[in-house]
Amino acid sequence: LPGSPELESYPVEDVWGVGRKLAAKLGAEGILTAADLARADSDTLRARYGVTLARTQRELQGVVCSALEEVEPERQQIVVSRSFGQKVTSLEDLQQAVSTFAQRACEKLRSRSLQASGVWVWLNTNPFKPGAAQYHPSKAFNFIAPTSDTREVLLVAQGLAKAMWKNGYRYKKAGVGLLDLTHGDVHQGDLFAGIAPRSQALMKVMDQANAKFGRGTMGMASSAWRSKGPALAKPVWAMNQKNLSPAYTTR
């Protein structure tokens, strides 16, 4: 609380958002504690250090600047993207990577009981190699009705990747985004579309199997899914993890 003895003895470098470098600058102006920060001239503080520190000062003065979110707001999109371990130069490898990312995005979608109204796919070459040919395409597609079915998303994602594919480029990264998300209980159907009553049941079985036995236990063939085994080679687009820290307590 403002004026409390705790603020008088609380070092300014321990205040959230201050840090050592900023604390040194504040210390040169005589602001050594949280109480000093709360008493500092607001206009000068904002002009020299920006709006973030000014909001911190207001919080120390007892003015609420950011409301506490007790419930996380619903997401508007879900994105899964990765940089490839090696340059991808074949359409088959690229579509496998895109399918894998789409499958992972759908798993996240269903874990939040959401459904997507659109799919967005993008491809990138390496922008840090200016001498190499550059190509950064992006395409999106809107569903007639929202879906959480991996099969529908995969069909569109692969089609978009194929439409953007051009020979002669060395692709470094790709990504898949699920757009315009709505809750699974809200469904605007299509009068002329067929009904797939077993779609949700099938996706539920896949999610339960992967949750119980580990990710990748069940998957789609378009993402180059294989049963687990030490002799299986990693795909070309898999990430490099040579310097990954050991996980002794979890593996």
Protein backbone atom coordinates (compact mmCIF):
# COMPACT_ATOMS: atom_id res chain seq x y z
CA LEU A 1 0.00 0.00 0.00
CA PRO A 2 1.17 3.61 -0.61
CA GLY A 3 3.23 4.94 2.30
CA SER A 4 3.66 1.53 3.89
CA PRO A 5 7.00 0.73 5.59
CA GLU A 6 7.42 -2.24 3.25
CA LEU A 7 7.82 0.09 0.28
CA GLU A 8 10.42 2.15 2.17
CA SER A 9 12.68 -0.88 2.53
CA TYR A 10 11.93 -2.60 -0.79
CA PRO A 11 14.79 -2.16 -3.31
CA VAL A 12 13.72 -0.57 -6.57
CA GLU A 13 15.59 -3.20 -8.63
CA ASP A 14 13.24 -5.85 -7.22
CA VAL A 15 10.14 -4.05 -8.50
CA TRP A 16 8.58 -5.92 -11.44
CA GLY A 17 9.73 -4.44 -14.75
CA VAL A 18 12.65 -2.43 -13.41
CA GLY A 19 15.72 -4.65 -13.58
CA ARG A 20 19.38 -3.90 -12.88
CA LYS A 21 20.16 -1.51 -15.73
CA LEU A 22 17.10 0.65 -15.14
CA ALA A 23 17.69 0.50 -11.37
CA ALA A 24 21.17 1.98 -11.89
CA LYS A 25 19.73 4.93 -13.82
CA LEU A 26 17.04 5.45 -11.20
CA GLY A 27 19.61 5.21 -8.41
CA ALA A 28 21.62 8.02 -9.99
CA GLU A 29 18.53 10.21 -9.52
CA GLY A 30 18.06 9.16 -5.91
CA ILE A 31 15.32 6.61 -6.53
CA LEU A 32 16.56 3.67 -4.47
CA THR A 33 13.40 2.08 -3.08
CA ALA A 34 9.85 1.34 -4.22
CA ALA A 35 8.66 4.24 -2.06
CA ASP A 36 11.05 6.60 -3.86
CA LEU A 37 9.64 5.41 -7.16
CA ALA A 38 6.08 6.00 -5.98
CA ARG A 39 6.94 9.58 -4.88
CA ALA A 40 8.88 10.53 -8.03
CA ASP A 41 7.53 13.17 -10.40
CA SER A 42 5.17 11.35 -12.77
CA ASP A 43 5.70 13.56 -15.82
CA THR A 44 9.49 13.35 -15.59
CA LEU A 45 9.39 9.60 -15.02
CA ARG A 46 7.19 9.03 -18.06
CA ALA A 47 9.23 11.33 -20.30
CA ARG A 48 12.54 9.65 -19.42
CA TYR A 49 11.58 5.99 -18.99
CA GLY A 50 8.33 5.48 -20.87
CA VAL A 51 4.76 4.52 -20.15
CA THR A 52 5.55 1.08 -18.69
CA LEU A 53 7.45 2.46 -15.70
CA ALA A 54 4.81 5.17 -15.32
CA ARG A 55 2.16 2.45 -14.98
CA THR A 56 4.31 0.64 -12.42
CA GLN A 57 4.50 3.86 -10.43
CA ARG A 58 0.71 4.21 -10.55
CA GLU A 59 0.33 0.65 -9.29
CA LEU A 60 2.66 1.45 -6.37
CA GLN A 61 0.44 4.45 -5.63
CA GLY A 62 -2.56 2.16 -5.36
CA VAL A 63 -4.10 2.87 -8.78
CA VAL A 64 -5.06 -0.29 -10.70
CA CYS A 65 -3.77 -0.04 -14.28
CA SER A 66 -4.18 -3.64 -15.42
CA ALA A 67 -7.20 -5.67 -14.41
CA LEU A 68 -6.57 -9.24 -13.23
CA GLU A 69 -7.77 -11.82 -15.74
CA GLU A 70 -9.26 -14.64 -13.69
CA VAL A 71 -10.40 -16.44 -16.85
CA GLU A 72 -8.16 -16.61 -19.90
CA PRO A 73 -9.93 -15.06 -22.92
CA GLU A 74 -10.70 -17.30 -25.86
CA ARG A 75 -8.02 -17.33 -28.53
CA GLN A 76 -8.75 -15.88 -31.95
CA GLN A 77 -6.18 -18.05 -33.72
CA ILE A 78 -3.79 -20.94 -33.15
CA VAL A 79 -0.45 -21.01 -34.97
CA VAL A 80 2.13 -23.80 -35.26
CA SER A 81 5.35 -23.11 -37.16
CA ARG A 82 8.90 -24.46 -37.14
CA SER A 83 12.23 -23.82 -38.81
CA PHE A 84 13.49 -26.85 -40.70
CA GLY A 85 16.66 -28.63 -39.65
CA GLN A 86 17.72 -28.80 -43.31
CA LYS A 87 16.61 -26.89 -46.38
CA VAL A 88 13.53 -28.48 -47.96
CA THR A 89 13.64 -28.75 -51.74
CA SER A 90 10.87 -31.28 -52.51
CA LEU A 91 7.11 -30.82 -52.44
CA GLU A 92 6.59 -34.14 -50.65
CA ASP A 93 8.81 -33.14 -47.71
CA LEU A 94 7.17 -29.73 -47.51
CA GLN A 95 3.66 -31.18 -47.47
CA GLN A 96 4.67 -33.63 -44.76
CA ALA A 97 5.90 -30.76 -42.60
CA VAL A 98 2.75 -28.70 -43.22
CA SER A 99 0.56 -31.72 -42.42
CA THR A 100 2.44 -32.31 -39.16
CA PHE A 101 1.98 -28.68 -38.11
CA ALA A 102 -1.71 -28.77 -39.06
CA GLN A 103 -2.23 -31.94 -37.02
CA ARG A 104 -0.59 -30.35 -33.96
CA ALA A 105 -2.68 -27.18 -34.38
CA CYS A 106 -5.87 -29.26 -34.48
CA GLU A 107 -4.86 -31.04 -31.27
CA LYS A 108 -4.49 -27.65 -29.56
CA LEU A 109 -7.81 -26.57 -31.05
CA ARG A 110 -9.73 -29.53 -29.64
CA SER A 111 -8.00 -29.33 -26.26
CA ARG A 112 -9.68 -25.92 -25.86
CA SER A 113 -13.04 -27.13 -27.24
CA LEU A 114 -12.75 -24.74 -30.16
CA GLN A 115 -13.33 -24.99 -33.91
CA ALA A 116 -11.74 -23.09 -36.80
CA SER A 117 -13.44 -21.19 -39.59
CA GLY A 118 -10.31 -20.88 -41.72
CA VAL A 119 -6.79 -22.14 -42.39
CA TRP A 120 -3.69 -20.07 -43.14
CA VAL A 121 -0.44 -21.55 -44.53
CA TRP A 122 2.83 -19.76 -45.24
CA LEU A 123 6.27 -20.75 -46.49
CA ASN A 124 9.63 -19.00 -46.09
CA THR A 125 13.07 -19.30 -47.56
CA ASN A 126 16.05 -18.16 -45.45
CA PRO A 127 15.94 -14.32 -45.24
CA PHE A 128 19.41 -14.27 -43.66
CA LYS A 129 20.98 -15.42 -46.93
CA PRO A 130 20.45 -12.44 -49.24
CA GLY A 131 22.40 -14.11 -52.03
CA ALA A 132 19.91 -16.98 -52.21
CA ALA A 133 16.62 -16.82 -54.12
CA GLN A 134 13.88 -15.51 -51.80
CA TYR A 135 10.23 -16.56 -51.75
CA HIS A 136 7.72 -15.89 -48.95
CA PRO A 137 4.21 -16.93 -50.09
CA SER A 138 1.08 -17.03 -47.94
CA LYS A 139 -2.48 -18.25 -48.59
CA ALA A 140 -5.66 -18.66 -46.56
CA PHE A 141 -8.92 -20.56 -47.00
CA ASN A 142 -12.31 -20.19 -45.27
CA PHE A 143 -14.48 -23.21 -44.47
CA ILE A 144 -18.19 -23.18 -45.24
CA ALA A 145 -18.79 -24.26 -41.64
CA PRO A 146 -16.34 -24.24 -38.67
CA THR A 147 -14.55 -27.52 -38.02
CA SER A 148 -12.16 -29.22 -35.61
CA ASP A 149 -11.67 -32.31 -37.79
CA THR A 150 -7.99 -32.86 -38.57
CA ARG A 151 -8.85 -34.50 -41.88
CA GLU A 152 -10.62 -31.41 -43.22
CA VAL A 153 -7.80 -29.11 -42.09
CA LEU A 154 -5.14 -31.38 -43.60
CA LEU A 155 -6.91 -31.48 -46.95
CA VAL A 156 -6.93 -27.69 -47.16
CA ALA A 157 -3.44 -27.17 -45.73
CA GLN A 158 -1.88 -29.56 -48.23
CA GLY A 159 -3.78 -27.95 -51.08
CA LEU A 160 -2.56 -24.49 -50.09
CA ALA A 161 1.03 -25.69 -49.79
CA LYS A 162 0.85 -27.30 -53.24
CA ALA A 163 -0.64 -24.14 -54.76
CA MET A 164 2.22 -22.03 -53.39
CA TRP A 165 5.00 -24.47 -54.24
CA LYS A 166 7.65 -23.35 -56.72
CA ASN A 167 10.67 -25.35 -57.80
CA GLY A 168 14.14 -23.92 -57.39
CA TYR A 169 13.74 -22.56 -53.86
CA ARG A 170 15.26 -23.86 -50.63
CA TYR A 171 12.56 -23.59 -47.98
CA LYS A 172 13.64 -22.91 -44.40
CA LYS A 173 10.36 -22.52 -42.52
CA ALA A 174 6.64 -23.16 -42.79
CA GLY A 175 3.63 -22.58 -40.60
CA VAL A 176 -0.08 -23.32 -40.25
CA GLY A 177 -2.63 -21.07 -38.59
CA LEU A 178 -6.23 -21.82 -37.61
CA LEU A 179 -8.33 -18.66 -37.90
CA ASP A 180 -11.61 -17.17 -36.63
CA LEU A 181 -12.00 -19.61 -33.76
CA THR A 182 -15.37 -20.23 -32.14
CA HIS A 183 -16.51 -22.44 -29.29
CA GLY A 184 -17.37 -26.00 -30.20
CA ASP A 185 -20.94 -25.63 -28.93
CA VAL A 186 -21.66 -22.94 -31.51
CA HIS A 187 -22.06 -24.47 -34.96
CA GLN A 188 -23.56 -22.82 -38.02
CA GLY A 189 -24.17 -25.72 -40.37
CA ASP A 190 -24.46 -25.84 -44.15
CA LEU A 191 -27.87 -26.79 -45.49
CA PHE A 192 -26.38 -28.57 -48.51
CA ALA A 193 -23.37 -30.21 -46.85
CA GLY A 194 -23.25 -33.82 -45.85
CA ILE A 195 -23.20 -34.79 -42.17
CA ALA A 196 -20.29 -36.67 -40.63
CA PRO A 197 -21.71 -37.89 -37.30
CA ARG A 198 -18.60 -39.90 -36.42
CA SER A 199 -16.14 -37.07 -36.98
CA GLN A 200 -16.03 -35.92 -33.34
CA ALA A 201 -15.88 -39.49 -32.06
CA LEU A 202 -12.90 -40.31 -34.31
CA MET A 203 -10.99 -37.18 -33.26
CA LYS A 204 -11.71 -37.98 -29.61
CA VAL A 205 -10.26 -41.48 -29.98
CA MET A 206 -7.08 -40.07 -31.56
CA ASP A 207 -6.63 -37.45 -28.85
CA GLN A 208 -7.21 -39.95 -26.05
CA ALA A 209 -4.73 -42.45 -27.53
CA ASN A 210 -2.03 -39.80 -27.96
CA ALA A 211 -2.65 -38.45 -24.45
CA LYS A 212 -2.39 -41.91 -22.89
CA PHE A 213 0.45 -43.45 -24.89
CA GLY A 214 2.35 -40.35 -26.03
CA ARG A 215 2.16 -37.93 -28.93
CA GLY A 216 2.54 -39.68 -32.26
CA THR A 217 0.91 -42.94 -31.18
CA MET A 218 -1.84 -42.26 -33.71
CA GLY A 219 -1.50 -39.92 -36.65
CA MET A 220 -2.28 -39.19 -40.27
CA ALA A 221 -0.34 -40.76 -43.14
CA SER A 222 -0.05 -37.40 -44.92
CA SER A 223 2.21 -36.18 -42.11
CA ALA A 224 4.59 -39.11 -42.71
CA TRP A 225 3.36 -40.72 -39.49
CA ARG A 226 5.22 -43.88 -38.49
CA SER A 227 5.16 -46.11 -35.48
CA LYS A 228 7.90 -45.29 -33.00
CA GLY A 229 11.25 -47.00 -33.24
CA PRO A 230 14.96 -46.18 -32.78
CA ALA A 231 15.83 -47.25 -36.33
CA LEU A 232 13.53 -44.74 -37.99
CA ALA A 233 15.31 -41.79 -39.58
CA LYS A 234 14.15 -38.27 -38.82
CA PRO A 235 12.50 -36.44 -41.70
CA VAL A 236 14.49 -33.80 -43.57
CA TRP A 237 12.40 -30.97 -42.13
CA ALA A 238 12.77 -32.06 -38.47
CA MET A 239 14.37 -29.51 -36.16
CA ASN A 240 18.03 -29.75 -35.17
CA GLN A 241 18.20 -30.62 -31.46
CA LYS A 242 21.87 -31.49 -31.07
CA ASN A 243 22.32 -28.92 -28.30
CA LEU A 244 19.08 -29.71 -26.49
CA SER A 245 19.56 -29.84 -22.72
CA PRO A 246 19.13 -33.30 -21.13
CA ALA A 247 15.79 -33.92 -19.41
CA TYR A 248 16.97 -36.28 -16.70
CA THR A 249 13.96 -35.81 -14.42
CA THR A 250 11.28 -36.21 -17.13
CA ARG A 251 12.68 -38.79 -19.57
